[in-house]
């Protein structure tokens, strides 16, 4: 979510979060509204009866954002299903993974299918969690692809804002400094000497 939040802030675009996982009004917006950034999963789009390729081709720019390790994705999906608050910071330990092994394996099968579909897509920008949150190498690729010359909201992409193993989630984001208003000068009286 933080990548989409960052794009939304930098480019001043409306953020439409998982419209195919919520309700029809948001799906209609995803198809019909200009000046927006949309984040969703391929299976959500296809489960709504929409062709993935047709949908993504309605956008000017498409970014495919994946994790390099599919097991990490499967673990996160499993944990998020247990949190009931998908935007809350969470931790995962080995005991939790072992207790939920079957569920994680089911998610892993789904993730493998979804990622295969995504990797077959060509002509779009591919970035990874590692390339954004760890090595930062994908940030310059993103700014170039999106035409962002002077990014002001990079703190959103700090790993402390990640939900898994983050420390503060999306709270306390450091953005551009608030401009200090220029004081209105006090008019100087005009004095005429005769």
N, C-alpha and C. Protein backbone atom coordinates (compact mmCIF):
# COMPACT_ATOMS: atom_id res chain seq x y z
N UNK A 1 0.81 -1.19 0.00
CA UNK A 1 0.00 0.00 0.00
C UNK A 1 0.86 1.26 0.00
N UNK A 2 2.03 1.20 0.61
CA UNK A 2 2.83 2.42 0.69
C UNK A 2 3.33 2.87 -0.67
N UNK A 3 3.59 1.95 -1.60
CA UNK A 3 4.01 2.36 -2.94
C UNK A 3 2.91 3.17 -3.61
N UNK A 4 1.68 2.69 -3.52
CA UNK A 4 0.57 3.40 -4.13
C UNK A 4 0.33 4.74 -3.43
N UNK A 5 0.48 4.76 -2.12
CA UNK A 5 0.35 6.03 -1.38
C UNK A 5 1.41 7.02 -1.83
N UNK A 6 2.63 6.54 -2.03
CA UNK A 6 3.71 7.41 -2.48
C UNK A 6 3.40 8.00 -3.85
N UNK A 7 2.99 7.16 -4.78
CA UNK A 7 2.66 7.64 -6.13
C UNK A 7 1.52 8.66 -6.05
N UNK A 8 0.51 8.36 -5.26
CA UNK A 8 -0.63 9.27 -5.10
C UNK A 8 -0.17 10.63 -4.59
N UNK A 9 0.69 10.65 -3.59
CA UNK A 9 1.17 11.92 -3.02
C UNK A 9 2.06 12.67 -4.01
N UNK A 10 3.01 11.97 -4.61
CA UNK A 10 3.96 12.64 -5.52
C UNK A 10 3.26 13.26 -6.73
N UNK A 11 2.27 12.55 -7.27
CA UNK A 11 1.64 12.99 -8.51
C UNK A 11 0.27 13.63 -8.28
N UNK A 12 -0.12 13.76 -7.01
CA UNK A 12 -1.41 14.34 -6.67
C UNK A 12 -2.56 13.64 -7.40
N UNK A 13 -2.58 12.30 -7.27
CA UNK A 13 -3.60 11.48 -7.90
C UNK A 13 -4.51 10.87 -6.84
N UNK A 14 -5.76 10.65 -7.20
CA UNK A 14 -6.70 9.95 -6.32
C UNK A 14 -6.21 8.51 -6.15
N UNK A 15 -6.27 7.98 -4.94
CA UNK A 15 -5.83 6.62 -4.63
C UNK A 15 -7.05 5.72 -4.53
N UNK A 16 -7.13 4.70 -5.40
CA UNK A 16 -8.24 3.75 -5.42
C UNK A 16 -7.67 2.40 -4.99
N UNK A 17 -7.86 2.04 -3.73
CA UNK A 17 -7.25 0.85 -3.13
C UNK A 17 -8.14 -0.39 -3.30
N UNK A 18 -7.64 -1.36 -4.05
CA UNK A 18 -8.31 -2.64 -4.27
C UNK A 18 -9.79 -2.51 -4.60
N UNK A 19 -10.11 -1.81 -5.68
CA UNK A 19 -11.53 -1.61 -6.02
C UNK A 19 -12.27 -2.91 -6.29
N UNK A 20 -11.59 -3.91 -6.84
CA UNK A 20 -12.26 -5.17 -7.17
C UNK A 20 -12.47 -6.05 -5.94
N UNK A 21 -11.95 -5.63 -4.80
CA UNK A 21 -12.10 -6.37 -3.56
C UNK A 21 -13.07 -5.66 -2.62
N UNK A 22 -13.68 -4.58 -3.10
CA UNK A 22 -14.55 -3.81 -2.22
C UNK A 22 -15.98 -3.77 -2.76
N UNK A 23 -16.29 -2.83 -3.64
CA UNK A 23 -17.66 -2.78 -4.16
C UNK A 23 -17.69 -2.18 -5.56
N UNK A 24 -18.83 -2.31 -6.21
CA UNK A 24 -18.99 -1.93 -7.61
C UNK A 24 -18.73 -0.45 -7.85
N UNK A 25 -19.05 0.42 -6.89
CA UNK A 25 -18.81 1.85 -7.08
C UNK A 25 -17.33 2.13 -7.33
N UNK A 26 -16.45 1.44 -6.58
CA UNK A 26 -15.02 1.64 -6.77
C UNK A 26 -14.53 1.05 -8.08
N UNK A 27 -15.15 -0.06 -8.51
CA UNK A 27 -14.79 -0.66 -9.81
C UNK A 27 -15.15 0.32 -10.92
N UNK A 28 -16.34 0.92 -10.83
CA UNK A 28 -16.74 1.91 -11.84
C UNK A 28 -15.75 3.07 -11.88
N UNK A 29 -15.33 3.54 -10.70
CA UNK A 29 -14.32 4.61 -10.66
C UNK A 29 -13.02 4.16 -11.32
N UNK A 30 -12.61 2.92 -11.05
CA UNK A 30 -11.35 2.43 -11.61
C UNK A 30 -11.37 2.46 -13.14
N UNK A 31 -12.54 2.23 -13.72
CA UNK A 31 -12.65 2.26 -15.17
C UNK A 31 -12.88 3.65 -15.73
N UNK A 32 -13.52 4.51 -14.98
CA UNK A 32 -14.03 5.75 -15.56
C UNK A 32 -13.40 7.04 -15.05
N UNK A 33 -12.63 7.00 -14.01
CA UNK A 33 -12.08 8.23 -13.44
C UNK A 33 -10.67 8.46 -13.96
N UNK A 34 -10.40 9.68 -14.33
CA UNK A 34 -9.03 10.06 -14.71
C UNK A 34 -8.27 10.46 -13.46
N UNK A 35 -6.96 10.62 -13.61
CA UNK A 35 -6.10 11.12 -12.54
C UNK A 35 -6.19 10.29 -11.26
N UNK A 36 -5.98 8.99 -11.41
CA UNK A 36 -6.02 8.10 -10.26
C UNK A 36 -4.91 7.07 -10.34
N UNK A 37 -4.56 6.54 -9.20
CA UNK A 37 -3.65 5.40 -9.11
C UNK A 37 -4.45 4.28 -8.45
N UNK A 38 -4.41 3.10 -9.07
CA UNK A 38 -5.20 1.96 -8.60
C UNK A 38 -4.26 0.84 -8.22
N UNK A 39 -4.50 0.26 -7.04
CA UNK A 39 -3.75 -0.92 -6.60
C UNK A 39 -4.73 -2.06 -6.43
N UNK A 40 -4.46 -3.19 -7.11
CA UNK A 40 -5.29 -4.37 -6.92
C UNK A 40 -4.50 -5.61 -7.31
N UNK A 41 -5.06 -6.75 -7.00
CA UNK A 41 -4.44 -8.04 -7.30
C UNK A 41 -5.09 -8.65 -8.53
N UNK A 42 -4.33 -9.35 -9.37
CA UNK A 42 -4.90 -9.96 -10.58
C UNK A 42 -6.11 -10.84 -10.28
N UNK A 43 -6.05 -11.66 -9.21
CA UNK A 43 -7.19 -12.55 -8.93
C UNK A 43 -8.44 -11.77 -8.56
N UNK A 44 -8.32 -10.61 -7.91
CA UNK A 44 -9.49 -9.79 -7.60
C UNK A 44 -10.15 -9.32 -8.90
N UNK A 45 -9.33 -8.88 -9.83
CA UNK A 45 -9.84 -8.35 -11.10
C UNK A 45 -10.54 -9.45 -11.88
N UNK A 46 -9.88 -10.60 -11.99
CA UNK A 46 -10.45 -11.71 -12.77
C UNK A 46 -11.67 -12.31 -12.08
N UNK A 47 -11.67 -12.37 -10.74
CA UNK A 47 -12.84 -12.90 -10.02
C UNK A 47 -14.06 -12.01 -10.19
N UNK A 48 -13.84 -10.75 -10.55
CA UNK A 48 -14.95 -9.82 -10.82
C UNK A 48 -15.45 -9.95 -12.26
N UNK A 49 -14.86 -10.90 -13.02
CA UNK A 49 -15.28 -11.12 -14.39
C UNK A 49 -14.67 -10.15 -15.38
N UNK A 50 -13.58 -9.50 -14.99
CA UNK A 50 -12.92 -8.52 -15.85
C UNK A 50 -11.62 -9.12 -16.37
N UNK A 51 -11.36 -8.93 -17.64
CA UNK A 51 -10.12 -9.42 -18.23
C UNK A 51 -8.96 -8.55 -17.72
N UNK A 52 -7.96 -9.19 -17.11
CA UNK A 52 -6.82 -8.47 -16.52
C UNK A 52 -6.13 -7.59 -17.55
N UNK A 53 -5.86 -8.12 -18.73
CA UNK A 53 -5.12 -7.38 -19.75
C UNK A 53 -5.93 -6.19 -20.27
N UNK A 54 -7.23 -6.39 -20.46
CA UNK A 54 -8.07 -5.28 -20.90
C UNK A 54 -8.09 -4.17 -19.86
N UNK A 55 -8.17 -4.57 -18.58
CA UNK A 55 -8.23 -3.56 -17.51
C UNK A 55 -6.93 -2.76 -17.43
N UNK A 56 -5.79 -3.43 -17.38
CA UNK A 56 -4.54 -2.68 -17.20
C UNK A 56 -4.21 -1.83 -18.41
N UNK A 57 -4.73 -2.21 -19.56
CA UNK A 57 -4.47 -1.41 -20.75
C UNK A 57 -5.31 -0.14 -20.82
N UNK A 58 -6.15 0.09 -19.81
CA UNK A 58 -6.89 1.36 -19.76
C UNK A 58 -6.06 2.44 -19.07
N UNK A 59 -4.88 2.10 -18.56
CA UNK A 59 -4.05 3.03 -17.81
C UNK A 59 -2.87 3.52 -18.64
N UNK A 60 -2.41 4.73 -18.33
CA UNK A 60 -1.25 5.31 -19.00
C UNK A 60 0.03 4.61 -18.57
N UNK A 61 0.11 4.24 -17.30
CA UNK A 61 1.31 3.61 -16.74
C UNK A 61 0.86 2.42 -15.90
N UNK A 62 1.64 1.34 -15.98
CA UNK A 62 1.36 0.15 -15.19
C UNK A 62 2.66 -0.28 -14.51
N UNK A 63 2.58 -0.48 -13.21
CA UNK A 63 3.73 -0.94 -12.44
C UNK A 63 3.38 -2.29 -11.83
N UNK A 64 4.20 -3.27 -12.09
CA UNK A 64 4.02 -4.59 -11.51
C UNK A 64 4.94 -4.69 -10.32
N UNK A 65 4.32 -4.79 -9.14
CA UNK A 65 5.06 -4.74 -7.88
C UNK A 65 4.95 -6.11 -7.21
N UNK A 66 6.06 -6.81 -7.10
CA UNK A 66 6.04 -8.15 -6.53
C UNK A 66 7.14 -8.29 -5.48
N UNK A 67 7.04 -9.37 -4.73
CA UNK A 67 8.14 -9.76 -3.84
C UNK A 67 8.97 -10.79 -4.57
N UNK A 68 10.26 -10.77 -4.32
CA UNK A 68 11.12 -11.77 -4.96
C UNK A 68 10.85 -13.16 -4.41
N UNK A 69 10.47 -13.26 -3.15
CA UNK A 69 10.24 -14.54 -2.49
C UNK A 69 8.74 -14.79 -2.37
N UNK A 70 8.23 -15.75 -3.15
CA UNK A 70 6.80 -16.05 -3.14
C UNK A 70 6.32 -16.55 -1.77
N UNK A 71 7.19 -17.24 -1.04
CA UNK A 71 6.80 -17.72 0.29
C UNK A 71 6.52 -16.54 1.22
N UNK A 72 7.31 -15.48 1.13
CA UNK A 72 7.05 -14.28 1.95
C UNK A 72 5.66 -13.72 1.64
N UNK A 73 5.31 -13.71 0.37
CA UNK A 73 3.99 -13.21 -0.02
C UNK A 73 2.89 -14.10 0.57
N UNK A 74 3.07 -15.40 0.46
CA UNK A 74 2.07 -16.34 0.98
C UNK A 74 1.91 -16.20 2.50
N UNK A 75 3.00 -16.04 3.20
CA UNK A 75 2.95 -15.86 4.66
C UNK A 75 2.20 -14.56 4.99
N UNK A 76 2.51 -13.49 4.27
CA UNK A 76 1.82 -12.22 4.53
C UNK A 76 0.33 -12.32 4.25
N UNK A 77 -0.04 -12.96 3.16
CA UNK A 77 -1.46 -13.12 2.85
C UNK A 77 -2.18 -13.90 3.95
N UNK A 78 -1.54 -14.94 4.43
CA UNK A 78 -2.13 -15.74 5.51
C UNK A 78 -2.28 -14.91 6.78
N UNK A 79 -1.24 -14.20 7.14
CA UNK A 79 -1.27 -13.39 8.36
C UNK A 79 -2.31 -12.29 8.26
N UNK A 80 -2.39 -11.66 7.10
CA UNK A 80 -3.35 -10.57 6.92
C UNK A 80 -4.77 -11.09 7.09
N UNK A 81 -5.04 -12.33 6.66
CA UNK A 81 -6.36 -12.91 6.83
C UNK A 81 -6.72 -13.13 8.29
N UNK A 82 -5.73 -13.27 9.13
CA UNK A 82 -5.96 -13.47 10.57
C UNK A 82 -6.05 -12.15 11.32
N UNK A 83 -5.48 -11.10 10.77
CA UNK A 83 -5.47 -9.80 11.46
C UNK A 83 -6.83 -9.13 11.48
N UNK A 84 -7.62 -9.32 10.44
CA UNK A 84 -8.91 -8.65 10.26
C UNK A 84 -8.75 -7.13 10.16
N UNK A 85 -7.56 -6.65 10.20
CA UNK A 85 -7.27 -5.24 9.94
C UNK A 85 -6.07 -5.25 9.01
N UNK A 86 -6.35 -5.13 7.73
CA UNK A 86 -5.33 -5.32 6.72
C UNK A 86 -4.29 -4.21 6.66
N UNK A 87 -4.46 -3.19 7.45
CA UNK A 87 -3.54 -2.06 7.41
C UNK A 87 -2.86 -1.85 8.76
N UNK A 88 -2.77 -2.92 9.52
CA UNK A 88 -2.15 -2.88 10.83
C UNK A 88 -0.79 -3.58 10.76
N UNK A 89 0.19 -3.03 11.45
CA UNK A 89 1.53 -3.63 11.50
C UNK A 89 1.43 -5.01 12.13
N UNK A 90 2.20 -5.95 11.62
CA UNK A 90 2.19 -7.29 12.19
C UNK A 90 3.58 -7.91 12.14
N UNK A 91 3.77 -8.88 13.01
CA UNK A 91 5.02 -9.65 13.08
C UNK A 91 4.68 -11.11 12.84
N UNK A 92 5.62 -11.85 12.28
CA UNK A 92 5.44 -13.27 12.05
C UNK A 92 6.67 -13.98 12.59
N UNK A 93 6.44 -15.04 13.37
CA UNK A 93 7.58 -15.82 13.86
C UNK A 93 7.47 -17.26 13.33
N UNK A 94 8.49 -18.05 13.56
CA UNK A 94 8.53 -19.43 13.05
C UNK A 94 7.38 -20.27 13.58
N UNK A 95 7.00 -20.07 14.83
CA UNK A 95 5.89 -20.84 15.41
C UNK A 95 4.59 -20.57 14.66
N UNK A 96 4.32 -19.29 14.38
CA UNK A 96 3.10 -18.93 13.65
C UNK A 96 3.11 -19.58 12.27
N UNK A 97 4.25 -19.54 11.59
CA UNK A 97 4.36 -20.13 10.26
C UNK A 97 4.09 -21.63 10.32
N UNK A 98 4.65 -22.30 11.29
CA UNK A 98 4.46 -23.75 11.43
C UNK A 98 2.99 -24.08 11.72
N UNK A 99 2.35 -23.31 12.59
CA UNK A 99 0.95 -23.55 12.93
C UNK A 99 0.01 -23.36 11.74
N UNK A 100 0.40 -22.53 10.78
CA UNK A 100 -0.46 -22.19 9.64
C UNK A 100 0.10 -22.71 8.32
N UNK A 101 0.90 -23.75 8.39
CA UNK A 101 1.60 -24.27 7.22
C UNK A 101 0.66 -24.62 6.06
N UNK A 102 -0.45 -25.33 6.33
CA UNK A 102 -1.36 -25.73 5.25
C UNK A 102 -1.97 -24.52 4.56
N UNK A 103 -2.40 -23.56 5.36
CA UNK A 103 -2.98 -22.33 4.80
C UNK A 103 -1.94 -21.58 3.96
N UNK A 104 -0.73 -21.50 4.48
CA UNK A 104 0.35 -20.81 3.75
C UNK A 104 0.63 -21.53 2.44
N UNK A 105 0.64 -22.86 2.46
CA UNK A 105 0.87 -23.62 1.22
C UNK A 105 -0.21 -23.34 0.19
N UNK A 106 -1.47 -23.23 0.63
CA UNK A 106 -2.56 -22.89 -0.30
C UNK A 106 -2.33 -21.50 -0.91
N UNK A 107 -1.94 -20.56 -0.06
CA UNK A 107 -1.64 -19.21 -0.57
C UNK A 107 -0.44 -19.26 -1.52
N UNK A 108 0.53 -20.07 -1.21
CA UNK A 108 1.73 -20.16 -2.06
C UNK A 108 1.36 -20.63 -3.46
N UNK A 109 0.47 -21.61 -3.56
CA UNK A 109 0.03 -22.07 -4.89
C UNK A 109 -0.63 -20.94 -5.66
N UNK A 110 -1.47 -20.17 -4.98
CA UNK A 110 -2.13 -19.04 -5.61
C UNK A 110 -1.10 -17.98 -6.04
N UNK A 111 -0.17 -17.68 -5.14
CA UNK A 111 0.85 -16.66 -5.43
C UNK A 111 1.70 -17.09 -6.63
N UNK A 112 2.07 -18.35 -6.69
CA UNK A 112 2.87 -18.83 -7.83
C UNK A 112 2.13 -18.63 -9.14
N UNK A 113 0.82 -18.94 -9.15
CA UNK A 113 0.02 -18.75 -10.38
C UNK A 113 -0.06 -17.26 -10.74
N UNK A 114 -0.35 -16.43 -9.74
CA UNK A 114 -0.50 -14.99 -9.98
C UNK A 114 0.80 -14.36 -10.48
N UNK A 115 1.89 -14.72 -9.83
CA UNK A 115 3.17 -14.13 -10.21
C UNK A 115 3.57 -14.56 -11.62
N UNK A 116 3.28 -15.80 -11.97
CA UNK A 116 3.58 -16.28 -13.33
C UNK A 116 2.84 -15.41 -14.36
N UNK A 117 1.56 -15.14 -14.09
CA UNK A 117 0.78 -14.26 -14.99
C UNK A 117 1.43 -12.88 -15.10
N UNK A 118 1.81 -12.33 -13.95
CA UNK A 118 2.40 -10.99 -13.95
C UNK A 118 3.73 -10.95 -14.70
N UNK A 119 4.53 -11.97 -14.54
CA UNK A 119 5.84 -11.99 -15.19
C UNK A 119 5.73 -12.18 -16.70
N UNK A 120 4.58 -12.66 -17.16
CA UNK A 120 4.35 -12.81 -18.61
C UNK A 120 3.95 -11.49 -19.26
N UNK A 121 3.55 -10.52 -18.46
CA UNK A 121 3.17 -9.22 -18.99
C UNK A 121 4.43 -8.47 -19.43
N UNK A 122 4.36 -7.86 -20.58
CA UNK A 122 5.52 -7.11 -21.08
C UNK A 122 5.13 -5.66 -21.36
N UNK A 123 6.13 -4.81 -21.34
CA UNK A 123 5.90 -3.40 -21.65
C UNK A 123 5.56 -2.55 -20.44
N UNK A 124 5.70 -3.11 -19.25
CA UNK A 124 5.39 -2.38 -18.03
C UNK A 124 6.62 -2.36 -17.14
N UNK A 125 6.59 -1.53 -16.14
CA UNK A 125 7.70 -1.45 -15.19
C UNK A 125 7.53 -2.50 -14.11
N UNK A 126 8.53 -3.34 -13.91
CA UNK A 126 8.54 -4.33 -12.84
C UNK A 126 9.45 -3.86 -11.72
N UNK A 127 8.91 -3.81 -10.50
CA UNK A 127 9.70 -3.46 -9.32
C UNK A 127 9.43 -4.49 -8.24
N UNK A 128 10.32 -4.56 -7.25
CA UNK A 128 10.15 -5.52 -6.17
C UNK A 128 10.18 -4.80 -4.82
N UNK A 129 9.65 -5.49 -3.82
CA UNK A 129 9.71 -4.98 -2.44
C UNK A 129 11.16 -4.74 -2.05
N UNK A 130 12.02 -5.72 -2.36
CA UNK A 130 13.44 -5.58 -2.01
C UNK A 130 14.06 -4.37 -2.70
N UNK A 131 13.73 -4.16 -3.96
CA UNK A 131 14.28 -3.04 -4.72
C UNK A 131 13.79 -1.68 -4.25
N UNK A 132 12.68 -1.66 -3.54
CA UNK A 132 12.16 -0.40 -3.00
C UNK A 132 12.58 -0.20 -1.56
N UNK A 133 12.34 -1.21 -0.72
CA UNK A 133 12.52 -1.04 0.73
C UNK A 133 13.92 -1.37 1.23
N UNK A 134 14.65 -2.19 0.51
CA UNK A 134 15.97 -2.59 0.99
C UNK A 134 17.09 -1.92 0.20
N UNK A 135 17.23 -2.27 -1.08
CA UNK A 135 18.34 -1.74 -1.87
C UNK A 135 18.06 -0.34 -2.41
N UNK A 136 16.79 0.03 -2.52
CA UNK A 136 16.34 1.33 -3.04
C UNK A 136 16.61 1.50 -4.53
N UNK A 137 17.14 0.46 -5.20
CA UNK A 137 17.49 0.59 -6.62
C UNK A 137 16.29 0.83 -7.52
N UNK A 138 15.11 0.39 -7.10
CA UNK A 138 13.93 0.58 -7.94
C UNK A 138 13.32 1.98 -7.81
N UNK A 139 13.72 2.73 -6.82
CA UNK A 139 13.14 4.07 -6.64
C UNK A 139 13.51 4.98 -7.82
N UNK A 140 14.75 4.94 -8.25
CA UNK A 140 15.14 5.79 -9.39
C UNK A 140 14.43 5.33 -10.67
N UNK A 141 14.20 4.04 -10.80
CA UNK A 141 13.46 3.53 -11.96
C UNK A 141 12.01 4.03 -11.92
N UNK A 142 11.44 4.05 -10.73
CA UNK A 142 10.07 4.55 -10.56
C UNK A 142 9.97 6.04 -10.89
N UNK A 143 10.88 6.82 -10.33
CA UNK A 143 10.80 8.27 -10.56
C UNK A 143 10.98 8.59 -12.05
N UNK A 144 11.87 7.87 -12.70
CA UNK A 144 12.06 8.10 -14.14
C UNK A 144 10.81 7.69 -14.92
N UNK A 145 10.28 6.52 -14.66
CA UNK A 145 9.11 6.00 -15.35
C UNK A 145 7.90 6.91 -15.16
N UNK A 146 7.75 7.46 -13.96
CA UNK A 146 6.60 8.29 -13.64
C UNK A 146 6.82 9.78 -13.92
N UNK A 147 8.06 10.14 -14.32
CA UNK A 147 8.35 11.54 -14.61
C UNK A 147 8.39 12.42 -13.37
N UNK A 148 8.85 11.86 -12.26
CA UNK A 148 8.96 12.61 -11.01
C UNK A 148 10.40 13.12 -10.89
N UNK A 149 10.59 14.41 -11.11
CA UNK A 149 11.95 14.98 -11.11
C UNK A 149 12.47 15.28 -9.71
N UNK A 150 11.59 15.69 -8.83
CA UNK A 150 12.01 16.12 -7.50
C UNK A 150 11.08 15.48 -6.45
N UNK A 151 11.29 14.20 -6.13
CA UNK A 151 10.38 13.54 -5.19
C UNK A 151 10.42 14.18 -3.81
N UNK A 152 9.24 14.36 -3.25
CA UNK A 152 9.14 15.02 -1.94
C UNK A 152 8.62 14.09 -0.84
N UNK A 153 8.13 12.92 -1.21
CA UNK A 153 7.48 12.03 -0.25
C UNK A 153 8.21 10.69 -0.10
N UNK A 154 9.51 10.66 -0.32
CA UNK A 154 10.25 9.40 -0.27
C UNK A 154 10.19 8.69 1.08
N UNK A 155 9.90 9.42 2.14
CA UNK A 155 9.80 8.78 3.45
C UNK A 155 8.72 7.70 3.47
N UNK A 156 7.70 7.83 2.64
CA UNK A 156 6.65 6.81 2.57
C UNK A 156 7.26 5.46 2.18
N UNK A 157 8.35 5.48 1.42
CA UNK A 157 8.98 4.24 0.97
C UNK A 157 10.04 3.72 1.94
N UNK A 158 10.12 4.30 3.11
CA UNK A 158 11.02 3.81 4.14
C UNK A 158 10.42 2.53 4.72
N UNK A 159 11.24 1.51 4.92
CA UNK A 159 10.71 0.22 5.36
C UNK A 159 10.04 0.26 6.73
N UNK A 160 10.25 1.32 7.49
CA UNK A 160 9.56 1.42 8.78
C UNK A 160 8.06 1.58 8.59
N UNK A 161 7.62 1.95 7.38
CA UNK A 161 6.20 2.11 7.08
C UNK A 161 5.55 0.82 6.57
N UNK A 162 6.35 -0.21 6.33
CA UNK A 162 5.79 -1.48 5.86
C UNK A 162 4.91 -2.08 6.95
N UNK A 163 3.93 -2.85 6.53
CA UNK A 163 3.05 -3.48 7.52
C UNK A 163 3.73 -4.68 8.17
N UNK A 164 4.43 -5.49 7.38
CA UNK A 164 5.11 -6.64 7.96
C UNK A 164 6.47 -6.21 8.48
N UNK A 165 6.65 -6.36 9.75
CA UNK A 165 7.89 -6.02 10.43
C UNK A 165 8.25 -4.54 10.37
N UNK A 166 7.28 -3.71 10.04
CA UNK A 166 7.52 -2.27 10.10
C UNK A 166 7.42 -1.80 11.53
N UNK A 167 7.72 -0.55 11.75
CA UNK A 167 7.66 -0.06 13.12
C UNK A 167 6.53 0.95 13.34
N UNK A 168 6.11 1.66 12.30
CA UNK A 168 5.08 2.67 12.52
C UNK A 168 3.96 2.64 11.47
N UNK A 169 3.99 1.72 10.53
CA UNK A 169 2.96 1.71 9.49
C UNK A 169 2.98 3.02 8.73
N UNK A 170 1.82 3.45 8.31
CA UNK A 170 1.76 4.69 7.52
C UNK A 170 1.62 5.93 8.38
N UNK A 171 1.74 5.78 9.69
CA UNK A 171 1.69 6.95 10.56
C UNK A 171 3.00 7.71 10.52
N UNK A 172 2.97 8.94 10.84
CA UNK A 172 4.16 9.79 10.97
C UNK A 172 5.01 9.87 9.71
N UNK A 173 4.38 9.95 8.56
CA UNK A 173 5.12 10.10 7.30
C UNK A 173 5.69 11.50 7.24
N UNK A 174 6.94 11.56 6.84
CA UNK A 174 7.62 12.86 6.69
C UNK A 174 7.48 13.29 5.24
N UNK A 175 6.80 14.38 5.02
CA UNK A 175 6.60 14.89 3.67
C UNK A 175 7.39 16.16 3.45
N UNK A 176 7.06 16.85 2.38
CA UNK A 176 7.78 18.09 2.11
C UNK A 176 7.52 19.11 3.22
N UNK A 177 8.47 19.97 3.47
CA UNK A 177 8.25 20.97 4.51
C UNK A 177 7.08 21.88 4.13
N UNK A 178 6.33 22.24 5.14
CA UNK A 178 5.23 23.17 4.91
C UNK A 178 5.83 24.55 4.66
N UNK A 179 5.45 25.16 3.54
CA UNK A 179 6.02 26.47 3.26
C UNK A 179 5.63 27.49 4.34
N UNK A 180 6.57 28.29 4.71
CA UNK A 180 6.30 29.37 5.66
C UNK A 180 5.70 30.52 4.88
N UNK A 181 4.54 30.99 5.32
CA UNK A 181 3.93 32.08 4.57
C UNK A 181 4.82 33.33 4.62
N UNK A 182 4.87 33.98 3.50
CA UNK A 182 5.62 35.22 3.43
C UNK A 182 4.79 36.31 4.09
N UNK A 183 5.39 36.99 5.07
CA UNK A 183 4.60 38.04 5.74
C UNK A 183 4.28 39.18 4.76
N UNK A 184 3.09 39.70 4.93
CA UNK A 184 2.70 40.84 4.11
C UNK A 184 3.41 42.06 4.66
N UNK A 185 4.15 42.73 3.78
CA UNK A 185 4.88 43.90 4.28
C UNK A 185 3.91 45.00 4.75
N UNK A 186 4.30 45.65 5.80
CA UNK A 186 3.51 46.78 6.29
C UNK A 186 3.77 47.96 5.36
N UNK A 187 2.70 48.52 4.86
CA UNK A 187 2.92 49.63 3.93
C UNK A 187 3.62 50.79 4.63
N UNK A 188 4.57 51.35 3.93
CA UNK A 188 5.26 52.52 4.48
C UNK A 188 4.48 53.76 4.06
N UNK A 189 4.25 54.64 5.04
CA UNK A 189 3.49 55.85 4.67
C UNK A 189 4.31 56.72 3.71
N UNK A 190 3.59 57.30 2.81
CA UNK A 190 4.24 58.23 1.88
C UNK A 190 4.19 59.60 2.54
N UNK A 191 5.35 60.23 2.62
CA UNK A 191 5.43 61.56 3.25
C UNK A 191 5.87 62.53 2.15
N UNK A 192 5.12 63.58 2.05
CA UNK A 192 5.47 64.58 1.06
C UNK A 192 5.90 65.83 1.80
N UNK A 193 7.09 66.27 1.51
CA UNK A 193 7.58 67.50 2.14
C UNK A 193 7.43 68.64 1.13
N UNK A 194 6.97 69.76 1.62
CA UNK A 194 6.83 70.92 0.76
C UNK A 194 7.75 72.00 1.24
